[in-house]
Amino acid sequence: MALHLIKLAVGCDSIKEFKGWVADRIRVAKEKGTPQHHIHITRMVPKRDAELLDGGSIYWVIRGEIAVREKLLAIEPFRDSAGINRCRLVMQPKVFSVAPRPLRPFQGWRYLADSDAPPDLGKAAASIEAMPEPMRRELRELGLL
């Protein structure tokens, strides 16, 4: 059974903005001739890497709710130029919208069991993402989304 990570998308205000952010990183990687993956660097290395790489994803929290996920491809520990241990979380650059679920802020990342992970929105994602962010949040709070 897959295990997932959950992480805050700090400074990101919407799904559209997050997708644009990922697209910009992929464009830069393409220009540099490096692999076109979305990479996030974190200080701590997940200890349960085998479970995470067995079909796991990173679920991103945007403005207080779990909103999107990216498939996790690799976990690469390394030492930066200052000699500090870090970890690259390498993800497939395809962003999947998920059923929004509120979540309080936290630091770092957390594990998320597959049974607790919100489902993908699938075909409904395009119409939901097209809504203005405040409208989408209000509909979710009213239980209509």
N, C-alpha and C. Protein backbone atom coordinates (compact mmCIF):
# COMPACT_ATOMS: atom_id res chain seq x y z
N MET A 1 0.84 -1.18 0.00
CA MET A 1 0.00 0.00 0.00
C MET A 1 0.89 1.24 0.00
N ALA A 2 0.55 2.18 -0.85
CA ALA A 2 1.35 3.40 -0.98
C ALA A 2 1.20 4.30 0.24
N LEU A 3 2.23 5.06 0.48
CA LEU A 3 2.25 6.07 1.51
C LEU A 3 2.52 7.39 0.81
N HIS A 4 1.98 8.46 1.32
CA HIS A 4 2.12 9.77 0.68
C HIS A 4 2.73 10.77 1.66
N LEU A 5 3.18 11.89 1.10
CA LEU A 5 3.61 13.03 1.91
C LEU A 5 2.60 14.14 1.73
N ILE A 6 2.49 14.98 2.73
CA ILE A 6 1.66 16.17 2.62
C ILE A 6 2.55 17.35 2.99
N LYS A 7 2.46 18.43 2.20
CA LYS A 7 3.38 19.56 2.34
C LYS A 7 2.62 20.85 2.06
N LEU A 8 2.99 21.92 2.74
CA LEU A 8 2.39 23.23 2.47
C LEU A 8 3.02 23.86 1.23
N ALA A 9 2.20 24.41 0.36
CA ALA A 9 2.69 25.16 -0.79
C ALA A 9 2.76 26.63 -0.35
N VAL A 10 3.82 26.94 0.37
CA VAL A 10 3.97 28.26 0.98
C VAL A 10 4.09 29.33 -0.11
N GLY A 11 3.31 30.40 0.05
CA GLY A 11 3.35 31.52 -0.89
C GLY A 11 2.47 31.32 -2.11
N CYS A 12 1.79 30.21 -2.20
CA CYS A 12 0.92 29.91 -3.33
C CYS A 12 -0.52 30.15 -2.92
N ASP A 13 -1.28 30.88 -3.75
CA ASP A 13 -2.65 31.25 -3.38
C ASP A 13 -3.74 30.48 -4.12
N SER A 14 -3.39 29.72 -5.16
CA SER A 14 -4.42 29.02 -5.91
C SER A 14 -3.82 27.83 -6.67
N ILE A 15 -4.69 26.96 -7.12
CA ILE A 15 -4.26 25.81 -7.93
C ILE A 15 -3.63 26.31 -9.22
N LYS A 16 -4.24 27.32 -9.81
CA LYS A 16 -3.71 27.90 -11.06
C LYS A 16 -2.29 28.42 -10.85
N GLU A 17 -2.07 29.12 -9.75
CA GLU A 17 -0.75 29.64 -9.45
C GLU A 17 0.25 28.50 -9.24
N PHE A 18 -0.17 27.44 -8.54
CA PHE A 18 0.71 26.29 -8.31
C PHE A 18 1.09 25.64 -9.63
N LYS A 19 0.12 25.43 -10.50
CA LYS A 19 0.41 24.82 -11.80
C LYS A 19 1.36 25.70 -12.62
N GLY A 20 1.19 27.02 -12.53
CA GLY A 20 2.10 27.94 -13.22
C GLY A 20 3.50 27.86 -12.66
N TRP A 21 3.61 27.72 -11.37
CA TRP A 21 4.89 27.59 -10.68
C TRP A 21 5.62 26.34 -11.16
N VAL A 22 4.91 25.21 -11.22
CA VAL A 22 5.50 23.96 -11.70
C VAL A 22 5.91 24.11 -13.17
N ALA A 23 5.06 24.71 -13.98
CA ALA A 23 5.36 24.90 -15.40
C ALA A 23 6.61 25.75 -15.59
N ASP A 24 6.78 26.78 -14.76
CA ASP A 24 7.98 27.63 -14.84
C ASP A 24 9.23 26.83 -14.51
N ARG A 25 9.16 26.00 -13.50
CA ARG A 25 10.32 25.18 -13.12
C ARG A 25 10.68 24.19 -14.23
N ILE A 26 9.68 23.63 -14.88
CA ILE A 26 9.92 22.69 -15.97
C ILE A 26 10.53 23.42 -17.16
N ARG A 27 10.04 24.63 -17.44
CA ARG A 27 10.59 25.43 -18.54
C ARG A 27 12.07 25.74 -18.29
N VAL A 28 12.41 26.12 -17.06
CA VAL A 28 13.79 26.42 -16.71
C VAL A 28 14.66 25.17 -16.84
N ALA A 29 14.14 24.02 -16.39
CA ALA A 29 14.89 22.76 -16.50
C ALA A 29 15.14 22.41 -17.97
N LYS A 30 14.14 22.64 -18.79
CA LYS A 30 14.28 22.36 -20.23
C LYS A 30 15.35 23.26 -20.85
N GLU A 31 15.33 24.54 -20.48
CA GLU A 31 16.33 25.49 -21.00
C GLU A 31 17.74 25.10 -20.57
N LYS A 32 17.88 24.58 -19.36
CA LYS A 32 19.19 24.19 -18.84
C LYS A 32 19.62 22.81 -19.35
N GLY A 33 18.68 22.08 -19.95
CA GLY A 33 19.00 20.74 -20.43
C GLY A 33 19.04 19.70 -19.32
N THR A 34 18.38 19.99 -18.20
CA THR A 34 18.33 19.04 -17.09
C THR A 34 17.01 18.26 -17.17
N PRO A 35 16.89 17.14 -16.45
CA PRO A 35 15.64 16.38 -16.49
C PRO A 35 14.44 17.24 -16.11
N GLN A 36 13.35 17.02 -16.81
CA GLN A 36 12.17 17.86 -16.62
C GLN A 36 11.24 17.26 -15.56
N HIS A 37 11.69 17.38 -14.33
CA HIS A 37 10.92 16.94 -13.18
C HIS A 37 10.74 18.15 -12.27
N HIS A 38 9.68 18.11 -11.48
CA HIS A 38 9.51 19.13 -10.46
C HIS A 38 10.29 18.66 -9.23
N ILE A 39 11.19 19.47 -8.75
CA ILE A 39 12.04 19.11 -7.62
C ILE A 39 11.79 20.08 -6.47
N HIS A 40 11.57 19.52 -5.29
CA HIS A 40 11.42 20.32 -4.09
C HIS A 40 12.51 19.88 -3.12
N ILE A 41 13.23 20.83 -2.58
CA ILE A 41 14.32 20.51 -1.65
C ILE A 41 13.84 20.75 -0.22
N THR A 42 14.08 19.77 0.63
CA THR A 42 13.68 19.85 2.03
C THR A 42 14.88 19.47 2.90
N ARG A 43 14.83 19.81 4.16
CA ARG A 43 15.96 19.53 5.04
C ARG A 43 15.96 18.09 5.54
N MET A 44 14.80 17.58 5.84
CA MET A 44 14.71 16.23 6.41
C MET A 44 14.49 15.18 5.31
N VAL A 45 15.07 14.02 5.50
CA VAL A 45 14.92 12.90 4.57
C VAL A 45 13.85 11.97 5.11
N PRO A 46 12.81 11.68 4.32
CA PRO A 46 11.79 10.73 4.80
C PRO A 46 12.41 9.36 5.07
N LYS A 47 12.10 8.78 6.22
CA LYS A 47 12.64 7.47 6.59
C LYS A 47 11.90 6.32 5.91
N ARG A 48 10.67 6.57 5.51
CA ARG A 48 9.84 5.52 4.92
C ARG A 48 9.85 5.62 3.39
N ASP A 49 11.05 5.80 2.83
CA ASP A 49 11.18 6.06 1.39
C ASP A 49 10.67 4.91 0.53
N ALA A 50 10.87 3.67 0.93
CA ALA A 50 10.41 2.54 0.12
C ALA A 50 8.89 2.58 -0.05
N GLU A 51 8.18 2.90 1.03
CA GLU A 51 6.72 3.00 0.97
C GLU A 51 6.28 4.19 0.11
N LEU A 52 7.00 5.30 0.22
CA LEU A 52 6.66 6.49 -0.55
C LEU A 52 6.87 6.28 -2.05
N LEU A 53 7.91 5.55 -2.40
CA LEU A 53 8.23 5.34 -3.82
C LEU A 53 7.42 4.20 -4.43
N ASP A 54 6.59 3.56 -3.64
CA ASP A 54 5.72 2.49 -4.12
C ASP A 54 4.35 3.07 -4.52
N GLY A 55 4.37 4.09 -5.37
CA GLY A 55 3.13 4.70 -5.86
C GLY A 55 2.67 5.90 -5.08
N GLY A 56 3.53 6.45 -4.23
CA GLY A 56 3.15 7.60 -3.41
C GLY A 56 3.17 8.92 -4.15
N SER A 57 2.52 9.90 -3.57
CA SER A 57 2.45 11.25 -4.13
C SER A 57 2.75 12.27 -3.03
N ILE A 58 2.96 13.50 -3.45
CA ILE A 58 3.03 14.61 -2.51
C ILE A 58 1.72 15.38 -2.69
N TYR A 59 0.98 15.50 -1.61
CA TYR A 59 -0.25 16.28 -1.60
C TYR A 59 0.09 17.66 -1.09
N TRP A 60 -0.27 18.69 -1.86
CA TRP A 60 0.07 20.06 -1.52
C TRP A 60 -1.12 20.78 -0.90
N VAL A 61 -0.86 21.48 0.19
CA VAL A 61 -1.86 22.28 0.88
C VAL A 61 -1.72 23.72 0.38
N ILE A 62 -2.81 24.23 -0.18
CA ILE A 62 -2.82 25.60 -0.71
C ILE A 62 -3.87 26.38 0.07
N ARG A 63 -3.42 27.42 0.75
CA ARG A 63 -4.29 28.30 1.54
C ARG A 63 -5.25 27.53 2.44
N GLY A 64 -4.69 26.60 3.21
CA GLY A 64 -5.46 25.93 4.23
C GLY A 64 -6.26 24.72 3.80
N GLU A 65 -6.07 24.25 2.56
CA GLU A 65 -6.76 23.03 2.16
C GLU A 65 -5.90 22.20 1.22
N ILE A 66 -6.01 20.89 1.38
CA ILE A 66 -5.32 19.98 0.46
C ILE A 66 -5.99 20.19 -0.90
N ALA A 67 -5.21 20.52 -1.92
CA ALA A 67 -5.82 20.89 -3.20
C ALA A 67 -5.29 20.09 -4.40
N VAL A 68 -4.00 19.76 -4.40
CA VAL A 68 -3.41 19.08 -5.56
C VAL A 68 -2.40 18.04 -5.09
N ARG A 69 -2.01 17.18 -6.03
CA ARG A 69 -0.96 16.21 -5.74
C ARG A 69 -0.08 16.03 -6.97
N GLU A 70 1.15 15.55 -6.71
CA GLU A 70 2.10 15.19 -7.76
C GLU A 70 2.68 13.83 -7.39
N LYS A 71 2.85 12.97 -8.38
CA LYS A 71 3.41 11.64 -8.14
C LYS A 71 4.88 11.77 -7.78
N LEU A 72 5.27 11.09 -6.73
CA LEU A 72 6.65 11.10 -6.24
C LEU A 72 7.47 10.07 -7.02
N LEU A 73 8.59 10.51 -7.61
CA LEU A 73 9.43 9.64 -8.43
C LEU A 73 10.71 9.20 -7.73
N ALA A 74 11.30 10.09 -6.93
CA ALA A 74 12.58 9.76 -6.28
C ALA A 74 12.77 10.61 -5.03
N ILE A 75 13.58 10.07 -4.13
CA ILE A 75 14.00 10.77 -2.92
C ILE A 75 15.51 10.70 -2.91
N GLU A 76 16.17 11.87 -3.02
CA GLU A 76 17.62 11.92 -3.19
C GLU A 76 18.28 12.74 -2.09
N PRO A 77 18.81 12.09 -1.05
CA PRO A 77 19.56 12.82 -0.02
C PRO A 77 20.86 13.37 -0.61
N PHE A 78 21.27 14.55 -0.17
CA PHE A 78 22.53 15.15 -0.61
C PHE A 78 23.01 16.15 0.43
N ARG A 79 24.24 16.61 0.26
CA ARG A 79 24.82 17.62 1.14
C ARG A 79 25.01 18.89 0.30
N ASP A 80 24.48 20.02 0.79
CA ASP A 80 24.58 21.27 0.03
C ASP A 80 25.97 21.89 0.17
N SER A 81 26.17 23.02 -0.49
CA SER A 81 27.48 23.67 -0.51
C SER A 81 27.93 24.14 0.87
N ALA A 82 26.98 24.32 1.80
CA ALA A 82 27.32 24.73 3.17
C ALA A 82 27.56 23.51 4.07
N GLY A 83 27.48 22.32 3.49
CA GLY A 83 27.71 21.11 4.26
C GLY A 83 26.51 20.62 5.04
N ILE A 84 25.33 21.14 4.72
CA ILE A 84 24.10 20.76 5.42
C ILE A 84 23.40 19.65 4.64
N ASN A 85 22.97 18.61 5.36
CA ASN A 85 22.24 17.53 4.71
C ASN A 85 20.87 18.03 4.26
N ARG A 86 20.51 17.69 3.05
CA ARG A 86 19.23 18.07 2.44
C ARG A 86 18.66 16.87 1.71
N CYS A 87 17.48 17.05 1.13
CA CYS A 87 16.83 15.98 0.39
C CYS A 87 16.07 16.58 -0.79
N ARG A 88 16.26 15.99 -1.96
CA ARG A 88 15.49 16.37 -3.15
C ARG A 88 14.30 15.43 -3.24
N LEU A 89 13.11 16.00 -3.31
CA LEU A 89 11.92 15.23 -3.59
C LEU A 89 11.61 15.45 -5.07
N VAL A 90 11.75 14.41 -5.87
CA VAL A 90 11.59 14.52 -7.32
C VAL A 90 10.19 14.03 -7.67
N MET A 91 9.45 14.88 -8.39
CA MET A 91 8.07 14.56 -8.72
C MET A 91 7.82 14.63 -10.22
N GLN A 92 6.85 13.86 -10.65
CA GLN A 92 6.37 13.96 -12.03
C GLN A 92 5.73 15.34 -12.16
N PRO A 93 6.01 16.09 -13.22
CA PRO A 93 5.50 17.46 -13.29
C PRO A 93 4.02 17.57 -13.69
N LYS A 94 3.26 16.52 -13.54
CA LYS A 94 1.82 16.59 -13.82
C LYS A 94 1.10 16.80 -12.50
N VAL A 95 0.27 17.84 -12.44
CA VAL A 95 -0.44 18.20 -11.22
C VAL A 95 -1.88 17.70 -11.32
N PHE A 96 -2.31 16.94 -10.32
CA PHE A 96 -3.67 16.40 -10.26
C PHE A 96 -4.44 17.13 -9.18
N SER A 97 -5.60 17.68 -9.54
CA SER A 97 -6.46 18.29 -8.53
C SER A 97 -7.16 17.20 -7.74
N VAL A 98 -7.31 17.42 -6.44
CA VAL A 98 -7.96 16.44 -5.57
C VAL A 98 -9.15 17.10 -4.89
N ALA A 99 -10.02 16.27 -4.35
CA ALA A 99 -11.16 16.80 -3.59
C ALA A 99 -10.62 17.63 -2.44
N PRO A 100 -10.95 18.91 -2.39
CA PRO A 100 -10.38 19.78 -1.36
C PRO A 100 -10.78 19.35 0.04
N ARG A 101 -9.80 19.45 0.94
CA ARG A 101 -10.02 19.09 2.34
C ARG A 101 -9.26 20.09 3.20
N PRO A 102 -9.93 20.72 4.18
CA PRO A 102 -9.24 21.70 5.02
C PRO A 102 -8.15 21.03 5.87
N LEU A 103 -7.09 21.79 6.10
CA LEU A 103 -5.99 21.30 6.94
C LEU A 103 -5.29 22.48 7.56
N ARG A 104 -5.03 22.39 8.84
CA ARG A 104 -4.33 23.46 9.55
C ARG A 104 -2.86 23.51 9.14
N PRO A 105 -2.24 24.67 9.28
CA PRO A 105 -0.82 24.78 8.95
C PRO A 105 0.05 23.90 9.85
N PHE A 106 1.19 23.50 9.32
CA PHE A 106 2.17 22.70 10.06
C PHE A 106 3.52 22.99 9.43
N GLN A 107 4.59 22.57 10.09
CA GLN A 107 5.92 22.79 9.56
C GLN A 107 6.43 21.52 8.91
N GLY A 108 7.23 21.68 7.88
CA GLY A 108 7.85 20.55 7.21
C GLY A 108 6.86 19.76 6.38
N TRP A 109 6.92 18.45 6.49
CA TRP A 109 5.99 17.57 5.79
C TRP A 109 5.48 16.53 6.76
N ARG A 110 4.41 15.88 6.38
CA ARG A 110 3.82 14.82 7.19
C ARG A 110 3.53 13.62 6.28
N TYR A 111 3.50 12.45 6.88
CA TYR A 111 3.07 11.26 6.14
C TYR A 111 1.55 11.28 6.04
N LEU A 112 1.04 10.70 4.96
CA LEU A 112 -0.40 10.61 4.73
C LEU A 112 -0.70 9.20 4.24
N ALA A 113 -1.47 8.46 5.01
CA ALA A 113 -1.83 7.09 4.62
C ALA A 113 -2.70 7.12 3.37
N ASP A 114 -2.57 6.10 2.55
CA ASP A 114 -3.35 6.02 1.31
C ASP A 114 -4.85 6.08 1.62
N SER A 115 -5.27 5.47 2.69
CA SER A 115 -6.69 5.46 3.06
C SER A 115 -7.19 6.85 3.46
N ASP A 116 -6.30 7.75 3.85
CA ASP A 116 -6.68 9.11 4.26
C ASP A 116 -6.51 10.13 3.14
N ALA A 117 -5.94 9.73 2.01
CA ALA A 117 -5.67 10.66 0.92
C ALA A 117 -6.96 11.02 0.19
N PRO A 118 -7.16 12.31 -0.11
CA PRO A 118 -8.37 12.70 -0.84
C PRO A 118 -8.32 12.17 -2.28
N PRO A 119 -9.47 11.83 -2.85
CA PRO A 119 -9.49 11.31 -4.22
C PRO A 119 -9.24 12.40 -5.26
N ASP A 120 -8.74 12.00 -6.42
CA ASP A 120 -8.57 12.93 -7.53
C ASP A 120 -9.94 13.39 -8.00
N LEU A 121 -9.98 14.61 -8.55
CA LEU A 121 -11.24 15.14 -9.07
C LEU A 121 -11.56 14.60 -10.46
N GLY A 122 -10.55 14.16 -11.19
CA GLY A 122 -10.78 13.59 -12.52
C GLY A 122 -11.29 14.63 -13.50
N LYS A 123 -12.35 14.29 -14.24
CA LYS A 123 -12.87 15.16 -15.30
C LYS A 123 -13.49 16.44 -14.76
N ALA A 124 -13.95 16.41 -13.53
CA ALA A 124 -14.56 17.60 -12.93
C ALA A 124 -13.52 18.67 -12.60
N ALA A 125 -12.25 18.30 -12.59
CA ALA A 125 -11.19 19.22 -12.17
C ALA A 125 -11.16 20.49 -13.00
N ALA A 126 -11.29 20.39 -14.32
CA ALA A 126 -11.19 21.56 -15.18
C ALA A 126 -12.25 22.61 -14.84
N SER A 127 -13.49 22.18 -14.65
CA SER A 127 -14.55 23.14 -14.35
C SER A 127 -14.39 23.73 -12.95
N ILE A 128 -13.93 22.92 -12.01
CA ILE A 128 -13.73 23.42 -10.65
C ILE A 128 -12.55 24.39 -10.60
N GLU A 129 -11.46 24.07 -11.30
CA GLU A 129 -10.29 24.95 -11.32
C GLU A 129 -10.59 26.26 -12.03
N ALA A 130 -11.56 26.27 -12.95
CA ALA A 130 -11.90 27.50 -13.68
C ALA A 130 -12.64 28.50 -12.79
N MET A 131 -13.21 28.02 -11.69
CA MET A 131 -13.93 28.92 -10.77
C MET A 131 -12.94 29.86 -10.08
N PRO A 132 -13.38 31.07 -9.79
CA PRO A 132 -12.54 31.95 -8.96
C PRO A 132 -12.30 31.28 -7.61
N GLU A 133 -11.11 31.43 -7.09
CA GLU A 133 -10.73 30.78 -5.84
C GLU A 133 -11.69 31.06 -4.68
N PRO A 134 -12.11 32.32 -4.45
CA PRO A 134 -13.04 32.56 -3.33
C PRO A 134 -14.37 31.81 -3.51
N MET A 135 -14.87 31.73 -4.75
CA MET A 135 -16.12 31.03 -4.99
C MET A 135 -15.97 29.53 -4.71
N ARG A 136 -14.86 28.97 -5.16
CA ARG A 136 -14.62 27.55 -4.96
C ARG A 136 -14.56 27.23 -3.46
N ARG A 137 -13.87 28.07 -2.70
CA ARG A 137 -13.76 27.86 -1.26
C ARG A 137 -15.12 27.99 -0.56
N GLU A 138 -15.92 28.97 -0.98
CA GLU A 138 -17.23 29.15 -0.36
C GLU A 138 -18.14 27.95 -0.67
N LEU A 139 -18.11 27.47 -1.89
CA LEU A 139 -18.90 26.30 -2.25
C LEU A 139 -18.47 25.08 -1.44
N ARG A 140 -17.16 24.93 -1.22
CA ARG A 140 -16.67 23.81 -0.42
C ARG A 140 -17.15 23.94 1.02
N GLU A 141 -17.07 25.17 1.58
CA GLU A 141 -17.50 25.38 2.96
C GLU A 141 -19.00 25.12 3.13
N LEU A 142 -19.79 25.36 2.08
CA LEU A 142 -21.24 25.11 2.13
C LEU A 142 -21.58 23.64 1.88
N GLY A 143 -20.55 22.85 1.55
CA GLY A 143 -20.78 21.43 1.30
C GLY A 143 -21.31 21.15 -0.10
N LEU A 144 -21.17 22.12 -0.99
CA LEU A 144 -21.68 21.96 -2.35
C LEU A 144 -20.60 21.50 -3.33
N LEU A 145 -19.41 21.37 -2.85
CA LEU A 145 -18.30 20.97 -3.72
C LEU A 145 -17.51 19.85 -3.07
